Structure formats: C-alpha cells, structure tokens
Amino acid sequence: MSKLHIKKGDTVKVIAGNSKGQEGKVIEVIISKSRALVEGVNMVSKHTKPNAASPQGGIIKKESSIHISNLMLVDPKSGDATRVGRKIDDKTGKLTRYSKKSGEVIK
C-alpha cells in the first residue's frame, strides 16, 4: 500500500473531473479505496425516506468521494496547487511533507 499525499484537514484543489477547479477542505480520507471526501466538492443528490432526523424526507445534497489522483494540495504560501514532497526533518528526525513549488513545510 502506497503512502497518500493528502491528509484530513488539508486544503485541496480538484484538477480533473466534473468538479475541476473547485477548492475545499478534506473531511475524510478513505485509504482502502484511495478516495477522499472534500467539503462542497462532487455534490450528489441523495433521496431520503422520512425518519426521526428528517421527518420531511426528500432530496438532500451531500458530498461524494473523489479519487485522490484528481486532487492536488494547495500551497500554504502562494495559494495555488502544488506537488507534495517528503523529507526527513534535520532537527526532529521525522518525515515531513513540503510543497515542491515553494519549498514550504506543510504542517
């Protein structure tokens, strides 16, 4: 299993598909399927039956997962999409992610 370049809480940009160009925050990463749920991206209409939570029922809009290969991390410095690199931090000895565009470390 390969390591993914995106984590929960990251701001990402969609680079392919119906939602191309949209940006949002990652809500959840589904590692087994290499997919992610992104806030406000890839919205689908879901038909719901009336229940205790929604007594009216009807059609609700919700996010659907999108493949990780269609997402790119947004650079914290410049604000545009960037590739992600990994390097071992000199001080702590831990593996850190960094932006290939600006060289900035991603928290």
N, C-alpha and C. Protein backbone atom coordinates (compact mmCIF):
# COMPACT_ATOMS: atom_id res chain seq x y z
N MET A 1 0.84 -1.19 0.00
CA MET A 1 0.00 0.00 0.00
C MET A 1 0.88 1.25 0.00
N SER A 2 0.66 2.14 -0.96
CA SER A 2 1.49 3.33 -1.05
C SER A 2 0.97 4.43 -0.12
N LYS A 3 1.85 5.33 0.24
CA LYS A 3 1.51 6.45 1.12
C LYS A 3 0.78 7.51 0.29
N LEU A 4 -0.24 8.11 0.88
CA LEU A 4 -1.03 9.12 0.17
C LEU A 4 -0.48 10.52 0.44
N HIS A 5 -0.64 11.42 -0.52
CA HIS A 5 -0.11 12.77 -0.40
C HIS A 5 -1.09 13.74 0.25
N ILE A 6 -2.26 13.25 0.63
CA ILE A 6 -3.30 14.10 1.19
C ILE A 6 -3.74 13.56 2.54
N LYS A 7 -3.98 14.47 3.48
CA LYS A 7 -4.45 14.09 4.82
C LYS A 7 -5.73 14.84 5.13
N LYS A 8 -6.44 14.37 6.16
CA LYS A 8 -7.65 15.05 6.64
C LYS A 8 -7.26 16.45 7.11
N GLY A 9 -8.06 17.44 6.72
CA GLY A 9 -7.79 18.82 7.13
C GLY A 9 -7.03 19.64 6.10
N ASP A 10 -6.44 18.99 5.09
CA ASP A 10 -5.71 19.70 4.04
C ASP A 10 -6.68 20.48 3.15
N THR A 11 -6.22 21.58 2.59
CA THR A 11 -6.98 22.29 1.57
C THR A 11 -6.48 21.80 0.22
N VAL A 12 -7.42 21.33 -0.60
CA VAL A 12 -7.05 20.74 -1.89
C VAL A 12 -7.80 21.40 -3.04
N LYS A 13 -7.25 21.24 -4.24
CA LYS A 13 -7.88 21.74 -5.46
C LYS A 13 -8.15 20.54 -6.36
N VAL A 14 -9.32 20.52 -7.00
CA VAL A 14 -9.68 19.43 -7.92
C VAL A 14 -9.07 19.76 -9.28
N ILE A 15 -8.29 18.82 -9.83
CA ILE A 15 -7.60 19.07 -11.10
C ILE A 15 -8.22 18.33 -12.27
N ALA A 16 -9.20 17.45 -12.01
CA ALA A 16 -9.84 16.70 -13.10
C ALA A 16 -11.24 16.29 -12.68
N GLY A 17 -12.11 16.08 -13.66
CA GLY A 17 -13.47 15.61 -13.39
C GLY A 17 -14.50 16.73 -13.45
N ASN A 18 -15.72 16.41 -13.03
CA ASN A 18 -16.83 17.37 -13.10
C ASN A 18 -16.63 18.58 -12.20
N SER A 19 -15.93 18.41 -11.11
CA SER A 19 -15.72 19.49 -10.13
C SER A 19 -14.39 20.22 -10.34
N LYS A 20 -13.81 20.10 -11.53
CA LYS A 20 -12.50 20.68 -11.82
C LYS A 20 -12.45 22.16 -11.47
N GLY A 21 -11.37 22.56 -10.77
CA GLY A 21 -11.17 23.96 -10.42
C GLY A 21 -11.67 24.32 -9.03
N GLN A 22 -12.50 23.48 -8.44
CA GLN A 22 -13.04 23.79 -7.12
C GLN A 22 -12.02 23.48 -6.03
N GLU A 23 -12.12 24.24 -4.93
CA GLU A 23 -11.24 24.02 -3.80
C GLU A 23 -12.07 23.71 -2.57
N GLY A 24 -11.50 22.96 -1.65
CA GLY A 24 -12.20 22.64 -0.41
C GLY A 24 -11.29 21.96 0.58
N LYS A 25 -11.82 21.76 1.78
CA LYS A 25 -11.08 21.12 2.86
C LYS A 25 -11.42 19.63 2.89
N VAL A 26 -10.42 18.79 3.10
CA VAL A 26 -10.64 17.34 3.15
C VAL A 26 -11.33 16.99 4.47
N ILE A 27 -12.49 16.33 4.35
CA ILE A 27 -13.27 15.92 5.52
C ILE A 27 -12.80 14.55 5.99
N GLU A 28 -12.57 13.65 5.02
CA GLU A 28 -12.21 12.26 5.35
C GLU A 28 -11.41 11.68 4.20
N VAL A 29 -10.45 10.80 4.54
CA VAL A 29 -9.68 10.07 3.52
C VAL A 29 -9.99 8.59 3.67
N ILE A 30 -10.44 7.96 2.57
CA ILE A 30 -10.74 6.53 2.56
C ILE A 30 -9.52 5.83 1.95
N ILE A 31 -8.63 5.36 2.81
CA ILE A 31 -7.33 4.84 2.38
C ILE A 31 -7.49 3.59 1.50
N SER A 32 -8.40 2.68 1.88
CA SER A 32 -8.55 1.42 1.15
C SER A 32 -8.97 1.62 -0.30
N LYS A 33 -9.74 2.69 -0.57
CA LYS A 33 -10.22 2.95 -1.93
C LYS A 33 -9.47 4.09 -2.62
N SER A 34 -8.48 4.69 -1.93
CA SER A 34 -7.73 5.85 -2.44
C SER A 34 -8.66 6.99 -2.85
N ARG A 35 -9.62 7.28 -2.00
CA ARG A 35 -10.59 8.34 -2.27
C ARG A 35 -10.66 9.29 -1.08
N ALA A 36 -11.21 10.49 -1.32
CA ALA A 36 -11.34 11.47 -0.25
C ALA A 36 -12.66 12.21 -0.37
N LEU A 37 -13.19 12.61 0.77
CA LEU A 37 -14.39 13.45 0.82
C LEU A 37 -13.92 14.88 0.99
N VAL A 38 -14.32 15.77 0.08
CA VAL A 38 -13.90 17.17 0.12
C VAL A 38 -15.13 18.05 0.29
N GLU A 39 -15.03 19.00 1.22
CA GLU A 39 -16.13 19.90 1.56
C GLU A 39 -16.61 20.69 0.33
N GLY A 40 -17.89 20.53 -0.01
CA GLY A 40 -18.50 21.30 -1.09
C GLY A 40 -18.12 20.87 -2.50
N VAL A 41 -17.44 19.74 -2.65
CA VAL A 41 -16.98 19.28 -3.96
C VAL A 41 -17.63 17.94 -4.29
N ASN A 42 -17.97 17.72 -5.57
CA ASN A 42 -18.58 16.47 -6.04
C ASN A 42 -19.90 16.20 -5.34
N MET A 43 -20.78 17.20 -5.34
CA MET A 43 -22.08 17.10 -4.67
C MET A 43 -23.02 16.19 -5.46
N VAL A 44 -23.74 15.32 -4.74
CA VAL A 44 -24.72 14.43 -5.35
C VAL A 44 -26.05 14.60 -4.64
N SER A 45 -27.15 14.28 -5.34
CA SER A 45 -28.48 14.34 -4.75
C SER A 45 -28.81 12.98 -4.17
N LYS A 46 -29.16 12.93 -2.90
CA LYS A 46 -29.50 11.67 -2.24
C LYS A 46 -30.96 11.73 -1.82
N HIS A 47 -31.72 10.73 -2.21
CA HIS A 47 -33.13 10.64 -1.86
C HIS A 47 -33.25 9.98 -0.50
N THR A 48 -33.91 10.65 0.44
CA THR A 48 -34.03 10.09 1.79
C THR A 48 -35.48 9.87 2.16
N LYS A 49 -35.73 8.77 2.86
CA LYS A 49 -37.07 8.49 3.39
C LYS A 49 -37.26 9.29 4.67
N PRO A 50 -38.49 9.63 4.99
CA PRO A 50 -38.71 10.35 6.26
C PRO A 50 -38.28 9.48 7.45
N ASN A 51 -37.56 10.11 8.39
CA ASN A 51 -37.15 9.43 9.61
C ASN A 51 -37.13 10.44 10.76
N ALA A 52 -36.66 10.02 11.92
CA ALA A 52 -36.67 10.90 13.10
C ALA A 52 -35.81 12.15 12.88
N ALA A 53 -34.66 11.97 12.22
CA ALA A 53 -33.75 13.09 11.98
C ALA A 53 -34.35 14.09 10.98
N SER A 54 -34.93 13.58 9.89
CA SER A 54 -35.58 14.46 8.91
C SER A 54 -37.00 13.97 8.66
N PRO A 55 -37.98 14.49 9.41
CA PRO A 55 -39.35 13.98 9.29
C PRO A 55 -39.97 14.22 7.90
N GLN A 56 -39.44 15.21 7.18
CA GLN A 56 -39.97 15.53 5.86
C GLN A 56 -39.45 14.56 4.79
N GLY A 57 -38.20 14.11 4.95
CA GLY A 57 -37.59 13.28 3.90
C GLY A 57 -37.22 14.16 2.72
N GLY A 58 -37.18 13.58 1.52
CA GLY A 58 -36.92 14.36 0.31
C GLY A 58 -35.52 14.18 -0.23
N ILE A 59 -35.09 15.16 -1.03
CA ILE A 59 -33.79 15.09 -1.69
C ILE A 59 -32.82 16.01 -0.97
N ILE A 60 -31.68 15.45 -0.54
CA ILE A 60 -30.65 16.26 0.09
C ILE A 60 -29.38 16.21 -0.74
N LYS A 61 -28.62 17.30 -0.70
CA LYS A 61 -27.34 17.36 -1.40
C LYS A 61 -26.25 17.00 -0.41
N LYS A 62 -25.35 16.11 -0.83
CA LYS A 62 -24.22 15.77 0.03
C LYS A 62 -22.99 15.48 -0.81
N GLU A 63 -21.82 15.54 -0.15
CA GLU A 63 -20.56 15.30 -0.85
C GLU A 63 -20.38 13.81 -1.12
N SER A 64 -19.82 13.52 -2.28
CA SER A 64 -19.46 12.15 -2.62
C SER A 64 -17.94 12.10 -2.69
N SER A 65 -17.37 10.91 -2.53
CA SER A 65 -15.91 10.81 -2.53
C SER A 65 -15.36 11.05 -3.94
N ILE A 66 -14.12 11.50 -3.97
CA ILE A 66 -13.44 11.78 -5.24
C ILE A 66 -12.07 11.11 -5.16
N HIS A 67 -11.58 10.59 -6.30
CA HIS A 67 -10.31 9.86 -6.28
C HIS A 67 -9.15 10.81 -5.98
N ILE A 68 -8.22 10.31 -5.19
CA ILE A 68 -7.07 11.11 -4.73
C ILE A 68 -6.23 11.64 -5.90
N SER A 69 -6.17 10.88 -7.00
CA SER A 69 -5.37 11.31 -8.15
C SER A 69 -5.94 12.57 -8.79
N ASN A 70 -7.20 12.89 -8.52
CA ASN A 70 -7.82 14.09 -9.07
C ASN A 70 -7.69 15.29 -8.15
N LEU A 71 -6.94 15.14 -7.07
CA LEU A 71 -6.76 16.22 -6.10
C LEU A 71 -5.31 16.64 -6.02
N MET A 72 -5.10 17.95 -5.79
CA MET A 72 -3.76 18.48 -5.58
C MET A 72 -3.79 19.38 -4.36
N LEU A 73 -2.77 19.30 -3.56
CA LEU A 73 -2.68 20.12 -2.36
C LEU A 73 -2.48 21.59 -2.73
N VAL A 74 -3.12 22.49 -1.97
CA VAL A 74 -2.94 23.92 -2.20
C VAL A 74 -1.76 24.40 -1.37
N ASP A 75 -0.82 25.09 -2.02
CA ASP A 75 0.38 25.61 -1.38
C ASP A 75 0.00 26.62 -0.29
N PRO A 76 0.48 26.44 0.95
CA PRO A 76 0.12 27.38 2.02
C PRO A 76 0.66 28.80 1.79
N LYS A 77 1.74 28.92 1.02
CA LYS A 77 2.37 30.23 0.79
C LYS A 77 1.71 30.99 -0.36
N SER A 78 1.67 30.37 -1.55
CA SER A 78 1.17 31.08 -2.73
C SER A 78 -0.32 30.90 -2.99
N GLY A 79 -0.91 29.81 -2.47
CA GLY A 79 -2.35 29.61 -2.65
C GLY A 79 -2.74 28.88 -3.92
N ASP A 80 -1.75 28.36 -4.68
CA ASP A 80 -2.12 27.56 -5.85
C ASP A 80 -1.65 26.12 -5.69
N ALA A 81 -2.15 25.24 -6.58
CA ALA A 81 -1.90 23.80 -6.46
C ALA A 81 -0.41 23.48 -6.59
N THR A 82 0.04 22.51 -5.80
CA THR A 82 1.44 22.12 -5.81
C THR A 82 1.58 20.62 -5.60
N ARG A 83 2.71 20.08 -6.04
CA ARG A 83 3.01 18.69 -5.75
C ARG A 83 3.57 18.60 -4.33
N VAL A 84 3.53 17.40 -3.78
CA VAL A 84 3.97 17.21 -2.39
C VAL A 84 5.21 16.35 -2.37
N GLY A 85 6.22 16.79 -1.61
CA GLY A 85 7.43 16.00 -1.43
C GLY A 85 7.56 15.62 0.03
N ARG A 86 8.43 14.67 0.32
CA ARG A 86 8.68 14.27 1.71
C ARG A 86 10.17 14.28 1.97
N LYS A 87 10.53 14.82 3.13
CA LYS A 87 11.94 14.79 3.52
C LYS A 87 12.03 14.63 5.03
N ILE A 88 13.16 14.11 5.49
CA ILE A 88 13.37 13.93 6.92
C ILE A 88 13.86 15.24 7.51
N ASP A 89 13.15 15.72 8.54
CA ASP A 89 13.49 16.97 9.20
C ASP A 89 14.80 16.78 9.97
N ASP A 90 15.73 17.73 9.82
CA ASP A 90 17.05 17.63 10.45
C ASP A 90 16.98 17.62 11.98
N LYS A 91 16.14 18.49 12.53
CA LYS A 91 16.08 18.65 14.00
C LYS A 91 15.37 17.48 14.69
N THR A 92 14.19 17.11 14.17
CA THR A 92 13.38 16.09 14.86
C THR A 92 13.63 14.68 14.34
N GLY A 93 14.10 14.56 13.12
CA GLY A 93 14.31 13.24 12.52
C GLY A 93 13.03 12.61 12.00
N LYS A 94 11.94 13.40 11.96
CA LYS A 94 10.65 12.90 11.48
C LYS A 94 10.46 13.24 10.00
N LEU A 95 9.63 12.45 9.32
CA LEU A 95 9.32 12.68 7.92
C LEU A 95 8.30 13.80 7.82
N THR A 96 8.61 14.85 7.07
CA THR A 96 7.69 15.98 6.91
C THR A 96 7.32 16.15 5.45
N ARG A 97 6.13 16.67 5.21
CA ARG A 97 5.68 16.97 3.85
C ARG A 97 6.05 18.41 3.54
N TYR A 98 6.43 18.66 2.27
CA TYR A 98 6.73 20.03 1.87
C TYR A 98 6.21 20.28 0.46
N SER A 99 5.98 21.56 0.17
CA SER A 99 5.49 21.97 -1.13
C SER A 99 6.64 22.01 -2.12
N LYS A 100 6.46 21.37 -3.27
CA LYS A 100 7.52 21.35 -4.29
C LYS A 100 7.65 22.73 -4.95
N LYS A 101 6.57 23.51 -4.93
CA LYS A 101 6.58 24.81 -5.59
C LYS A 101 7.36 25.85 -4.79
N SER A 102 7.06 25.94 -3.48
CA SER A 102 7.69 26.99 -2.66
C SER A 102 8.73 26.46 -1.69
N GLY A 103 8.75 25.13 -1.47
CA GLY A 103 9.68 24.56 -0.51
C GLY A 103 9.19 24.68 0.92
N GLU A 104 8.02 25.27 1.11
CA GLU A 104 7.42 25.48 2.43
C GLU A 104 6.99 24.15 3.05
N VAL A 105 7.25 23.96 4.35
CA VAL A 105 6.84 22.75 5.05
C VAL A 105 5.34 22.82 5.32
N ILE A 106 4.64 21.72 5.05
CA ILE A 106 3.20 21.66 5.27
C ILE A 106 2.96 21.09 6.66
N LYS A 107 2.25 21.83 7.48
CA LYS A 107 2.02 21.41 8.88
C LYS A 107 1.18 20.16 8.96
